Amino acid sequence: MEGFILLLSIVGIGIVILWARRNDKVPLDGETTGLLAMGTAGPKRKRERE
């Protein structure tokens, strides 16, 4: 069981490293891509209530 958790930890760290390398050259106001993409600050929508 400990081996499985270690494997998941290694895979998770790998995903974060790949995301960081891929989005390292994106300007601060640019959009990031991928699994860990950050949300953009678009126009705020008004909530429609019934």
N, C-alpha and C. Protein backbone atom coordinates (compact mmCIF):
# COMPACT_ATOMS: atom_id res chain seq x y z
N MET A 1 0.82 -1.19 0.00
CA MET A 1 0.00 0.00 0.00
C MET A 1 0.87 1.26 0.00
N GLU A 2 1.96 1.24 0.77
CA GLU A 2 2.83 2.41 0.80
C GLU A 2 3.46 2.65 -0.58
N GLY A 3 3.73 1.57 -1.31
CA GLY A 3 4.31 1.72 -2.64
C GLY A 3 3.35 2.40 -3.60
N PHE A 4 2.07 2.09 -3.48
CA PHE A 4 1.06 2.70 -4.34
C PHE A 4 0.94 4.19 -4.05
N ILE A 5 0.94 4.55 -2.78
CA ILE A 5 0.85 5.96 -2.40
C ILE A 5 2.10 6.71 -2.87
N LEU A 6 3.26 6.08 -2.76
CA LEU A 6 4.49 6.69 -3.26
C LEU A 6 4.42 6.92 -4.76
N LEU A 7 3.90 5.93 -5.49
CA LEU A 7 3.75 6.07 -6.93
C LEU A 7 2.82 7.22 -7.29
N LEU A 8 1.69 7.33 -6.59
CA LEU A 8 0.77 8.45 -6.84
C LEU A 8 1.43 9.79 -6.53
N SER A 9 2.23 9.84 -5.48
CA SER A 9 2.93 11.08 -5.14
C SER A 9 3.91 11.47 -6.23
N ILE A 10 4.64 10.51 -6.74
CA ILE A 10 5.62 10.78 -7.80
C ILE A 10 4.92 11.25 -9.07
N VAL A 11 3.82 10.62 -9.41
CA VAL A 11 3.06 11.03 -10.59
C VAL A 11 2.51 12.44 -10.41
N GLY A 12 2.00 12.76 -9.23
CA GLY A 12 1.48 14.10 -8.96
C GLY A 12 2.55 15.17 -9.07
N ILE A 13 3.71 14.89 -8.52
CA ILE A 13 4.82 15.84 -8.62
C ILE A 13 5.24 16.01 -10.08
N GLY A 14 5.24 14.92 -10.83
CA GLY A 14 5.58 14.99 -12.25
C GLY A 14 4.61 15.86 -13.03
N ILE A 15 3.32 15.74 -12.73
CA ILE A 15 2.32 16.55 -13.41
C ILE A 15 2.54 18.03 -13.12
N VAL A 16 2.82 18.36 -11.87
CA VAL A 16 3.05 19.75 -11.50
C VAL A 16 4.30 20.29 -12.19
N ILE A 17 5.36 19.50 -12.25
CA ILE A 17 6.60 19.94 -12.91
C ILE A 17 6.37 20.15 -14.41
N LEU A 18 5.66 19.23 -15.05
CA LEU A 18 5.37 19.39 -16.48
C LEU A 18 4.52 20.63 -16.74
N TRP A 19 3.53 20.88 -15.88
CA TRP A 19 2.69 22.06 -16.04
C TRP A 19 3.52 23.33 -15.89
N ALA A 20 4.40 23.35 -14.90
CA ALA A 20 5.22 24.53 -14.67
C ALA A 20 6.17 24.79 -15.84
N ARG A 21 6.76 23.74 -16.37
CA ARG A 21 7.67 23.91 -17.51
C ARG A 21 6.92 24.39 -18.74
N ARG A 22 5.70 23.88 -18.94
CA ARG A 22 4.93 24.23 -20.13
C ARG A 22 4.45 25.68 -20.07
N ASN A 23 4.09 26.16 -18.88
CA ASN A 23 3.51 27.49 -18.74
C ASN A 23 4.50 28.50 -18.19
N ASP A 24 5.77 28.17 -18.16
CA ASP A 24 6.77 29.06 -17.59
C ASP A 24 6.94 30.33 -18.40
N LYS A 25 6.77 30.25 -19.70
CA LYS A 25 7.01 31.40 -20.58
C LYS A 25 5.75 32.20 -20.87
N VAL A 26 4.64 31.88 -20.21
CA VAL A 26 3.39 32.61 -20.41
C VAL A 26 3.48 33.92 -19.63
N PRO A 27 3.16 35.05 -20.27
CA PRO A 27 3.19 36.31 -19.54
C PRO A 27 2.19 36.32 -18.39
N LEU A 28 2.37 37.22 -17.45
CA LEU A 28 1.51 37.25 -16.27
C LEU A 28 0.04 37.44 -16.60
N ASP A 29 -0.25 38.17 -17.69
CA ASP A 29 -1.65 38.37 -18.06
C ASP A 29 -2.11 37.38 -19.12
N GLY A 30 -1.28 36.40 -19.45
CA GLY A 30 -1.64 35.40 -20.45
C GLY A 30 -2.43 34.25 -19.84
N GLU A 31 -3.00 33.43 -20.70
CA GLU A 31 -3.78 32.29 -20.25
C GLU A 31 -2.91 31.05 -20.20
N THR A 32 -3.02 30.30 -19.13
CA THR A 32 -2.30 29.04 -19.02
C THR A 32 -3.19 27.92 -19.54
N THR A 33 -2.57 26.79 -19.87
CA THR A 33 -3.32 25.66 -20.42
C THR A 33 -3.05 24.42 -19.60
N GLY A 34 -3.77 23.38 -19.90
CA GLY A 34 -3.51 22.10 -19.29
C GLY A 34 -4.40 21.81 -18.09
N LEU A 35 -4.05 20.74 -17.41
CA LEU A 35 -4.85 20.24 -16.29
C LEU A 35 -4.93 21.24 -15.15
N LEU A 36 -3.86 21.96 -14.89
CA LEU A 36 -3.81 22.90 -13.77
C LEU A 36 -3.93 24.35 -14.23
N ALA A 37 -4.65 24.58 -15.31
CA ALA A 37 -4.78 25.94 -15.85
C ALA A 37 -5.47 26.84 -14.85
N MET A 38 -4.99 28.06 -14.78
CA MET A 38 -5.59 29.05 -13.89
C MET A 38 -6.77 29.70 -14.59
N GLY A 39 -7.78 30.05 -13.83
CA GLY A 39 -8.94 30.73 -14.38
C GLY A 39 -8.59 32.15 -14.81
N THR A 40 -9.33 32.65 -15.77
CA THR A 40 -9.07 34.01 -16.24
C THR A 40 -10.08 34.95 -15.60
N ALA A 41 -9.69 36.19 -15.46
CA ALA A 41 -10.56 37.20 -14.88
C ALA A 41 -11.36 37.86 -16.00
N GLY A 42 -12.39 37.19 -16.44
CA GLY A 42 -13.23 37.71 -17.50
C GLY A 42 -14.31 38.62 -16.93
N PRO A 43 -15.20 39.07 -17.79
CA PRO A 43 -16.28 39.93 -17.30
C PRO A 43 -17.16 39.17 -16.31
N LYS A 44 -17.54 39.86 -15.24
CA LYS A 44 -18.36 39.20 -14.22
C LYS A 44 -19.79 39.08 -14.73
N ARG A 45 -20.34 37.91 -14.50
CA ARG A 45 -21.73 37.68 -14.90
C ARG A 45 -22.65 37.93 -13.72
N LYS A 46 -23.78 38.49 -14.02
CA LYS A 46 -24.78 38.68 -12.97
C LYS A 46 -25.52 37.36 -12.79
N ARG A 47 -25.70 36.98 -11.54
CA ARG A 47 -26.41 35.75 -11.28
C ARG A 47 -27.90 35.97 -11.52
N GLU A 48 -28.46 35.04 -12.26
CA GLU A 48 -29.88 35.12 -12.53
C GLU A 48 -30.63 34.33 -11.48
N ARG A 49 -31.49 35.01 -10.78
CA ARG A 49 -32.29 34.33 -9.74
C ARG A 49 -33.73 34.26 -10.20
N GLU A 50 -34.33 33.15 -9.87
CA GLU A 50 -35.73 32.97 -10.26
C GLU A 50 -36.63 33.31 -9.11
